[in-house]
Amino acid sequence: MKPWQKKEWCIPKKANAEFVCAMERVLDVYQQPHDPNRPLICMDESSKQHTLEVRTPLPMKPGQPLKYDNEYERNGVSSLFMFFAPLEGWRHIEVTDSRTACDWAHQIKQLVDVHFPKADVIRLVMDNLNTHTPASLYKAFEPGEAHRLASKLEIIYTPKHGSWLNMAEIELSILSRQCLSRRIPDQAALKSEIEAWESQRNGVESKMEWRFTTEDARVKLKKLYPTIKSE
């Protein structure tokens, strides 16, 4: 994998100490070996527009693809929470009605208590969206419960303009390409499609190997590092 070659990626246009500091922390975490007591989880969010056909599509025929009208009827939007363990080949996508602070908090509780109950701490890589913070846990749960869940997290934020550093974003793009690149009428159908995709990917333990290191960044992204003047 060569994430720095991804098209349309977004990085600062000039030296940015804050960016490289956050970037190096993410890259250092990615180089650490798998530890079942401290699993690495990457998290990201997305959404999917539901669309209804206004005319019945024409079925496939030998040598001819499915044909459908370019008009459609909007039928709401669902939110997606992606949790991806790249070293274990596990991912889970939760489909919800919204993506509020409380929605995120309940997803974290499920991650901690259902998916990784034996972990001492979960190393959680994600962007710094305003809902992606332990404070959201206190909006959803009593203080004792919020504190318990927060103590299970080691949060590593990707830098601003550094979403390409999040492996969950890459896994979401695979989901979009393989599963969501067609019209899906409603949330029930969306859940069914995603569950099938998730089961297949988890069944073969599809992992992700990250090869771009801190040392690589200091060479390939040298312009992002501030110049230190010698005295």
C-alpha atoms as a PDB file:
ATOM      1  CA  MET A   1       0.000   0.000   0.000  1.00  0.00           C
ATOM      2  CA  LYS A   2       1.268   3.480  -0.934  1.00  0.00           C
ATOM      3  CA  PRO A   3      -1.202   5.920   0.646  1.00  0.00           C
ATOM      4  CA  TRP A   4       0.884   8.956  -0.264  1.00  0.00           C
ATOM      5  CA  GLN A   5       0.114   8.235  -3.936  1.00  0.00           C
ATOM      6  CA  LYS A   6      -3.653   8.514  -3.459  1.00  0.00           C
ATOM      7  CA  LYS A   7      -5.194  11.011  -5.856  1.00  0.00           C
ATOM      8  CA  GLU A   8      -6.904  14.153  -4.573  1.00  0.00           C
ATOM      9  CA  TRP A   9      -5.346  13.839  -1.160  1.00  0.00           C
ATOM     10  CA  CYS A  10      -5.188  16.964   0.906  1.00  0.00           C
ATOM     11  CA  ILE A  11      -2.086  18.195   2.717  1.00  0.00           C
ATOM     12  CA  PRO A  12      -0.985  21.653   3.844  1.00  0.00           C
ATOM     13  CA  LYS A  13       0.597  23.859   1.193  1.00  0.00           C
ATOM     14  CA  LYS A  14       3.477  24.878   3.442  1.00  0.00           C
ATOM     15  CA  ALA A  15       5.400  23.811   6.526  1.00  0.00           C
ATOM     16  CA  ASN A  16       3.061  22.963   9.380  1.00  0.00           C
ATOM     17  CA  ALA A  17       4.429  21.741  12.705  1.00  0.00           C
ATOM     18  CA  GLU A  18       0.982  20.856  14.047  1.00  0.00           C
ATOM     19  CA  PHE A  19       0.285  18.673  11.007  1.00  0.00           C
ATOM     20  CA  VAL A  20       3.573  16.754  11.094  1.00  0.00           C
ATOM     21  CA  CYS A  21       3.343  16.220  14.851  1.00  0.00           C
ATOM     22  CA  ALA A  22      -0.102  14.605  14.552  1.00  0.00           C
ATOM     23  CA  MET A  23       0.927  12.724  11.401  1.00  0.00           C
ATOM     24  CA  GLU A  24       3.986  11.201  13.038  1.00  0.00           C
ATOM     25  CA  ARG A  25       1.946  10.036  16.011  1.00  0.00           C
ATOM     26  CA  VAL A  26      -0.451   8.206  13.683  1.00  0.00           C
ATOM     27  CA  LEU A  27       2.402   6.707  11.666  1.00  0.00           C
ATOM     28  CA  ASP A  28       4.216   5.563  14.809  1.00  0.00           C
ATOM     29  CA  VAL A  29       1.065   3.802  16.027  1.00  0.00           C
ATOM     30  CA  TYR A  30       0.686   2.085  12.654  1.00  0.00           C
ATOM     31  CA  GLN A  31       4.193   0.638  12.983  1.00  0.00           C
ATOM     32  CA  GLN A  32       3.509  -0.955  16.356  1.00  0.00           C
ATOM     33  CA  PRO A  33       2.923  -4.730  16.348  1.00  0.00           C
ATOM     34  CA  HIS A  34      -0.468  -6.266  16.958  1.00  0.00           C
ATOM     35  CA  ASP A  35      -1.345  -6.502  20.636  1.00  0.00           C
ATOM     36  CA  PRO A  36      -4.706  -8.138  21.478  1.00  0.00           C
ATOM     37  CA  ASN A  37      -4.711  -6.286  24.792  1.00  0.00           C
ATOM     38  CA  ARG A  38      -4.330  -2.961  22.965  1.00  0.00           C
ATOM     39  CA  PRO A  39      -6.086  -3.445  19.610  1.00  0.00           C
ATOM     40  CA  LEU A  40      -5.685  -0.818  16.900  1.00  0.00           C
ATOM     41  CA  ILE A  41      -9.040   0.441  15.637  1.00  0.00           C
ATOM     42  CA  CYS A  42      -9.543   3.079  12.943  1.00  0.00           C
ATOM     43  CA  MET A  43     -12.892   4.859  12.896  1.00  0.00           C
ATOM     44  CA  ASP A  44     -14.630   7.034  10.320  1.00  0.00           C
ATOM     45  CA  GLU A  45     -18.135   8.156   9.364  1.00  0.00           C
ATOM     46  CA  SER A  46     -20.052   8.502   6.132  1.00  0.00           C
ATOM     47  CA  SER A  47     -23.612   8.583   4.817  1.00  0.00           C
ATOM     48  CA  LYS A  48     -25.685   7.000   2.074  1.00  0.00           C
ATOM     49  CA  GLN A  49     -28.569   8.574   0.183  1.00  0.00           C
ATOM     50  CA  HIS A  50     -31.526   6.218  -0.360  1.00  0.00           C
ATOM     51  CA  THR A  51     -33.106   6.399  -3.799  1.00  0.00           C
ATOM     52  CA  LEU A  52     -36.253   4.877  -5.257  1.00  0.00           C
ATOM     53  CA  GLU A  53     -36.637   4.006  -8.914  1.00  0.00           C
ATOM     54  CA  VAL A  54     -39.348   6.009 -10.685  1.00  0.00           C
ATOM     55  CA  ARG A  55     -39.397   3.514 -13.564  1.00  0.00           C
ATOM     56  CA  THR A  56     -38.777  -0.221 -13.471  1.00  0.00           C
ATOM     57  CA  PRO A  57     -35.203  -1.025 -14.594  1.00  0.00           C
ATOM     58  CA  LEU A  58     -34.786  -3.208 -17.668  1.00  0.00           C
ATOM     59  CA  PRO A  59     -33.239  -6.549 -16.656  1.00  0.00           C
ATOM     60  CA  MET A  60     -29.899  -7.821 -17.877  1.00  0.00           C
ATOM     61  CA  LYS A  61     -29.728  -9.718 -21.141  1.00  0.00           C
ATOM     62  CA  PRO A  62     -26.826 -11.658 -22.659  1.00  0.00           C
ATOM     63  CA  GLY A  63     -24.298  -9.045 -23.695  1.00  0.00           C
ATOM     64  CA  GLN A  64     -26.355  -6.189 -22.254  1.00  0.00           C
ATOM     65  CA  PRO A  65     -26.085  -4.629 -18.776  1.00  0.00           C
ATOM     66  CA  LEU A  66     -28.947  -3.692 -16.481  1.00  0.00           C
ATOM     67  CA  LYS A  67     -30.591  -0.499 -17.721  1.00  0.00           C
ATOM     68  CA  TYR A  68     -32.209   2.043 -15.430  1.00  0.00           C
ATOM     69  CA  ASP A  69     -33.638   5.518 -15.781  1.00  0.00           C
ATOM     70  CA  ASN A  70     -31.468   8.444 -14.745  1.00  0.00           C
ATOM     71  CA  GLU A  71     -34.362   9.883 -12.747  1.00  0.00           C
ATOM     72  CA  TYR A  72     -34.931   8.734  -9.196  1.00  0.00           C
ATOM     73  CA  GLU A  73     -36.793   9.703  -6.035  1.00  0.00           C
ATOM     74  CA  ARG A  74     -34.900  10.607  -2.870  1.00  0.00           C
ATOM     75  CA  ASN A  75     -35.910   8.489   0.109  1.00  0.00           C
ATOM     76  CA  GLY A  76     -33.881   9.748   3.051  1.00  0.00           C
ATOM     77  CA  VAL A  77     -30.293   9.362   4.209  1.00  0.00           C
ATOM     78  CA  SER A  78     -28.628   6.899   6.572  1.00  0.00           C
ATOM     79  CA  SER A  79     -25.456   7.477   8.560  1.00  0.00           C
ATOM     80  CA  LEU A  80     -22.594   4.977   8.655  1.00  0.00           C
ATOM     81  CA  PHE A  81     -20.079   4.372  11.438  1.00  0.00           C
ATOM     82  CA  MET A  82     -17.049   2.365  10.266  1.00  0.00           C
ATOM     83  CA  PHE A  83     -14.780   0.630  12.771  1.00  0.00           C
ATOM     84  CA  PHE A  84     -11.810  -1.178  11.229  1.00  0.00           C
ATOM     85  CA  ALA A  85      -9.084  -3.279  12.868  1.00  0.00           C
ATOM     86  CA  PRO A  86      -6.487  -3.426  10.066  1.00  0.00           C
ATOM     87  CA  LEU A  87      -4.126  -5.825  11.844  1.00  0.00           C
ATOM     88  CA  GLU A  88      -6.905  -8.317  12.553  1.00  0.00           C
ATOM     89  CA  GLY A  89      -8.887  -8.126   9.334  1.00  0.00           C
ATOM     90  CA  TRP A  90     -12.065  -7.138  11.180  1.00  0.00           C
ATOM     91  CA  ARG A  91     -14.480  -4.372  10.447  1.00  0.00           C
ATOM     92  CA  HIS A  92     -17.976  -3.392  11.567  1.00  0.00           C
ATOM     93  CA  ILE A  93     -20.289  -0.842  10.011  1.00  0.00           C
ATOM     94  CA  GLU A  94     -23.257   0.412  11.987  1.00  0.00           C
ATOM     95  CA  VAL A  95     -26.126   2.014  10.069  1.00  0.00           C
ATOM     96  CA  THR A  96     -27.994   4.698  12.012  1.00  0.00           C
ATOM     97  CA  ASP A  97     -30.455   7.531  11.491  1.00  0.00           C
ATOM     98  CA  SER A  98     -28.035  10.243  12.622  1.00  0.00           C
ATOM     99  CA  ARG A  99     -24.446  11.002  13.644  1.00  0.00           C
ATOM    100  CA  THR A 100     -24.783  13.025  16.840  1.00  0.00           C
ATOM    101  CA  ALA A 101     -22.426  13.083  19.810  1.00  0.00           C
ATOM    102  CA  CYS A 102     -24.694  10.588  21.569  1.00  0.00           C
ATOM    103  CA  ASP A 103     -24.779   8.340  18.500  1.00  0.00           C
ATOM    104  CA  TRP A 104     -20.977   8.266  18.511  1.00  0.00           C
ATOM    105  CA  ALA A 105     -20.917   7.578  22.253  1.00  0.00           C
ATOM    106  CA  HIS A 106     -23.217   4.575  21.907  1.00  0.00           C
ATOM    107  CA  GLN A 107     -21.028   3.211  19.114  1.00  0.00           C
ATOM    108  CA  ILE A 108     -18.001   3.511  21.394  1.00  0.00           C
ATOM    109  CA  LYS A 109     -19.820   1.617  24.154  1.00  0.00           C
ATOM    110  CA  GLN A 110     -20.578  -1.173  21.693  1.00  0.00           C
ATOM    111  CA  LEU A 111     -16.947  -1.196  20.535  1.00  0.00           C
ATOM    112  CA  VAL A 112     -15.677  -1.487  24.103  1.00  0.00           C
ATOM    113  CA  ASP A 113     -18.255  -3.832  25.622  1.00  0.00           C
ATOM    114  CA  VAL A 114     -19.333  -6.007  22.693  1.00  0.00           C
ATOM    115  CA  HIS A 115     -16.551  -6.162  20.120  1.00  0.00           C
ATOM    116  CA  PHE A 116     -13.432  -5.841  22.321  1.00  0.00           C
ATOM    117  CA  PRO A 117     -14.500  -6.615  25.903  1.00  0.00           C
ATOM    118  CA  LYS A 118     -11.156  -8.210  26.837  1.00  0.00           C
ATOM    119  CA  ALA A 119      -8.991  -5.296  25.700  1.00  0.00           C
ATOM    120  CA  ASP A 120      -7.153  -3.305  28.354  1.00  0.00           C
ATOM    121  CA  VAL A 121      -7.260  -0.242  26.124  1.00  0.00           C
ATOM    122  CA  ILE A 122      -8.311   0.435  22.534  1.00  0.00           C
ATOM    123  CA  ARG A 123      -6.002   2.570  20.396  1.00  0.00           C
ATOM    124  CA  LEU A 124      -8.548   4.554  18.406  1.00  0.00           C
ATOM    125  CA  VAL A 125      -7.463   6.468  15.288  1.00  0.00           C
ATOM    126  CA  MET A 126      -9.979   9.003  13.966  1.00  0.00           C
ATOM    127  CA  ASP A 127     -10.366  12.591  12.827  1.00  0.00           C
ATOM    128  CA  ASN A 128     -10.995  15.398  15.293  1.00  0.00           C
ATOM    129  CA  LEU A 129     -14.649  16.009  14.473  1.00  0.00           C
ATOM    130  CA  ASN A 130     -16.272  17.849  17.365  1.00  0.00           C
ATOM    131  CA  THR A 131     -18.303  14.763  18.334  1.00  0.00           C
ATOM    132  CA  HIS A 132     -15.212  12.526  18.427  1.00  0.00           C
ATOM    133  CA  THR A 133     -14.235  13.291  21.990  1.00  0.00           C
ATOM    134  CA  PRO A 134     -14.643  11.704  25.432  1.00  0.00           C
ATOM    135  CA  ALA A 135     -16.927  14.631  26.274  1.00  0.00           C
ATOM    136  CA  SER A 136     -19.556  12.991  24.052  1.00  0.00           C
ATOM    137  CA  LEU A 137     -19.595  10.024  26.425  1.00  0.00           C
ATOM    138  CA  TYR A 138     -20.718  12.344  29.222  1.00  0.00           C
ATOM    139  CA  LYS A 139     -23.588  13.550  27.026  1.00  0.00           C
ATOM    140  CA  ALA A 140     -24.872   9.997  26.612  1.00  0.00           C
ATOM    141  CA  PHE A 141     -24.119   8.231  29.919  1.00  0.00           C
ATOM    142  CA  GLU A 142     -23.938   8.763  33.658  1.00  0.00           C
ATOM    143  CA  PRO A 143     -20.531  10.064  34.839  1.00  0.00           C
ATOM    144  CA  GLY A 144     -19.339   6.704  36.152  1.00  0.00           C
ATOM    145  CA  GLU A 145     -20.123   4.921  32.903  1.00  0.00           C
ATOM    146  CA  ALA A 146     -18.695   7.717  30.778  1.00  0.00           C
ATOM    147  CA  HIS A 147     -15.468   7.639  32.809  1.00  0.00           C
ATOM    148  CA  ARG A 148     -15.219   3.850  32.482  1.00  0.00           C
ATOM    149  CA  LEU A 149     -15.560   3.998  28.701  1.00  0.00           C
ATOM    150  CA  ALA A 150     -13.168   6.935  28.350  1.00  0.00           C
ATOM    151  CA  SER A 151     -10.525   5.073  30.357  1.00  0.00           C
ATOM    152  CA  LYS A 152     -10.639   2.294  27.757  1.00  0.00           C
ATOM    153  CA  LEU A 153      -9.604   4.609  24.919  1.00  0.00           C
ATOM    154  CA  GLU A 154      -6.225   5.843  23.749  1.00  0.00           C
ATOM    155  CA  ILE A 155      -7.280   8.382  21.124  1.00  0.00           C
ATOM    156  CA  ILE A 156      -4.966   9.245  18.249  1.00  0.00           C
ATOM    157  CA  TYR A 157      -6.304  12.051  16.071  1.00  0.00           C
ATOM    158  CA  THR A 158      -5.368  12.407  12.431  1.00  0.00           C
ATOM    159  CA  PRO A 159      -4.207  15.936  11.566  1.00  0.00           C
ATOM    160  CA  LYS A 160      -6.423  18.472   9.850  1.00  0.00           C
ATOM    161  CA  HIS A 161      -6.166  17.844   6.104  1.00  0.00           C
ATOM    162  CA  GLY A 162      -4.838  14.378   6.949  1.00  0.00           C
ATOM    163  CA  SER A 163      -7.864  12.126   6.494  1.00  0.00           C
ATOM    164  CA  TRP A 164      -5.797  10.002   4.080  1.00  0.00           C
ATOM    165  CA  LEU A 165      -3.926   8.782   7.164  1.00  0.00           C
ATOM    166  CA  ASN A 166      -7.053   7.040   8.455  1.00  0.00           C
ATOM    167  CA  MET A 167      -7.276   3.429   7.275  1.00  0.00           C
ATOM    168  CA  ALA A 168     -11.006   3.452   8.056  1.00  0.00           C
ATOM    169  CA  GLU A 169     -11.453   6.043   5.305  1.00  0.00           C
ATOM    170  CA  ILE A 170      -9.763   3.666   2.861  1.00  0.00           C
ATOM    171  CA  GLU A 171     -11.993   0.813   3.996  1.00  0.00           C
ATOM    172  CA  LEU A 172     -15.039   3.059   3.555  1.00  0.00           C
ATOM    173  CA  SER A 173     -13.968   3.762  -0.012  1.00  0.00           C
ATOM    174  CA  ILE A 174     -13.749  -0.010  -0.632  1.00  0.00           C
ATOM    175  CA  LEU A 175     -17.242  -0.392   0.830  1.00  0.00           C
ATOM    176  CA  SER A 176     -18.543   2.383  -1.416  1.00  0.00           C
ATOM    177  CA  ARG A 177     -16.971   0.888  -4.520  1.00  0.00           C
ATOM    178  CA  GLN A 178     -17.910  -2.740  -3.880  1.00  0.00           C
ATOM    179  CA  CYS A 179     -21.282  -2.355  -2.176  1.00  0.00           C
ATOM    180  CA  LEU A 180     -22.781   1.125  -2.295  1.00  0.00           C
ATOM    181  CA  SER A 181     -22.168   2.274  -5.860  1.00  0.00           C
ATOM    182  CA  ARG A 182     -25.765   1.579  -6.851  1.00  0.00           C
ATOM    183  CA  ARG A 183     -29.212   2.740  -5.863  1.00  0.00           C
ATOM    184  CA  ILE A 184     -30.397   1.393  -2.534  1.00  0.00           C
ATOM    185  CA  PRO A 185     -34.049   2.160  -1.740  1.00  0.00           C
ATOM    186  CA  ASP A 186     -34.173   2.250   2.058  1.00  0.00           C
ATOM    187  CA  GLN A 187     -32.327   1.659   5.308  1.00  0.00           C
ATOM    188  CA  ALA A 188     -33.417  -1.971   5.621  1.00  0.00           C
ATOM    189  CA  ALA A 189     -31.943  -2.787   2.218  1.00  0.00           C
ATOM    190  CA  LEU A 190     -28.799  -0.834   3.074  1.00  0.00           C
ATOM    191  CA  LYS A 191     -28.294  -2.786   6.296  1.00  0.00           C
ATOM    192  CA  SER A 192     -28.757  -6.070   4.457  1.00  0.00           C
ATOM    193  CA  GLU A 193     -26.235  -5.142   1.762  1.00  0.00           C
ATOM    194  CA  ILE A 194     -23.652  -3.906   4.269  1.00  0.00           C
ATOM    195  CA  GLU A 195     -24.050  -6.924   6.554  1.00  0.00           C
ATOM    196  CA  ALA A 196     -23.390  -9.255   3.619  1.00  0.00           C
ATOM    197  CA  TRP A 197     -20.326  -7.253   2.557  1.00  0.00           C
ATOM    198  CA  GLU A 198     -19.017  -7.096   6.124  1.00  0.00           C
ATOM    199  CA  SER A 199     -19.491 -10.836   6.614  1.00  0.00           C
ATOM    200  CA  GLN A 200     -17.589 -11.620   3.425  1.00  0.00           C
ATOM    201  CA  ARG A 201     -14.678  -9.291   4.251  1.00  0.00           C
ATOM    202  CA  ASN A 202     -14.429 -10.516   7.839  1.00  0.00           C
ATOM    203  CA  GLY A 203     -14.728 -14.123   6.694  1.00  0.00           C
ATOM    204  CA  VAL A 204     -11.487 -13.875   4.734  1.00  0.00           C
ATOM    205  CA  GLU A 205      -9.911 -11.596   7.372  1.00  0.00           C
ATOM    206  CA  SER A 206      -9.078  -8.940   4.807  1.00  0.00           C
ATOM    207  CA  LYS A 207      -6.311  -6.898   6.441  1.00  0.00           C
ATOM    208  CA  MET A 208      -4.488  -3.718   5.488  1.00  0.00           C
ATOM    209  CA  GLU A 209      -0.715  -3.341   5.523  1.00  0.00           C
ATOM    210  CA  TRP A 210       0.444   0.231   6.007  1.00  0.00           C
ATOM    211  CA  ARG A 211       3.952   0.799   4.643  1.00  0.00           C
ATOM    212  CA  PHE A 212       4.296   4.586   4.778  1.00  0.00           C
ATOM    213  CA  THR A 213       6.443   5.268   7.849  1.00  0.00           C
ATOM    214  CA  THR A 214       7.589   8.292   9.811  1.00  0.00           C
ATOM    215  CA  GLU A 215      10.972   7.975   8.105  1.00  0.00           C
ATOM    216  CA  ASP A 216       9.256   7.998   4.697  1.00  0.00           C
ATOM    217  CA  ALA A 217       7.269  11.091   5.655  1.00  0.00           C
ATOM    218  CA  ARG A 218      10.408  13.004   6.594  1.00  0.00           C
ATOM    219  CA  VAL A 219      11.712  12.405   3.071  1.00  0.00           C
ATOM    220  CA  LYS A 220       8.636  12.465   0.841  1.00  0.00           C
ATOM    221  CA  LEU A 221       6.853  15.225   2.769  1.00  0.00           C
ATOM    222  CA  LYS A 222       9.954  17.160   3.756  1.00  0.00           C
ATOM    223  CA  LYS A 223       8.378  20.484   2.756  1.00  0.00           C
ATOM    224  CA  LEU A 224       5.823  20.123   5.554  1.00  0.00           C
ATOM    225  CA  TYR A 225       8.519  20.172   8.232  1.00  0.00           C
ATOM    226  CA  PRO A 226       9.534  23.590   9.557  1.00  0.00           C
ATOM    227  CA  THR A 227      13.068  24.653   8.754  1.00  0.00           C
ATOM    228  CA  ILE A 228      15.212  24.875  11.863  1.00  0.00           C
ATOM    229  CA  LYS A 229      17.696  27.723  11.771  1.00  0.00           C
ATOM    230  CA  SER A 230      21.153  26.986  13.092  1.00  0.00           C
ATOM    231  CA  GLU A 231      22.567  29.459  15.573  1.00  0.00           C
END
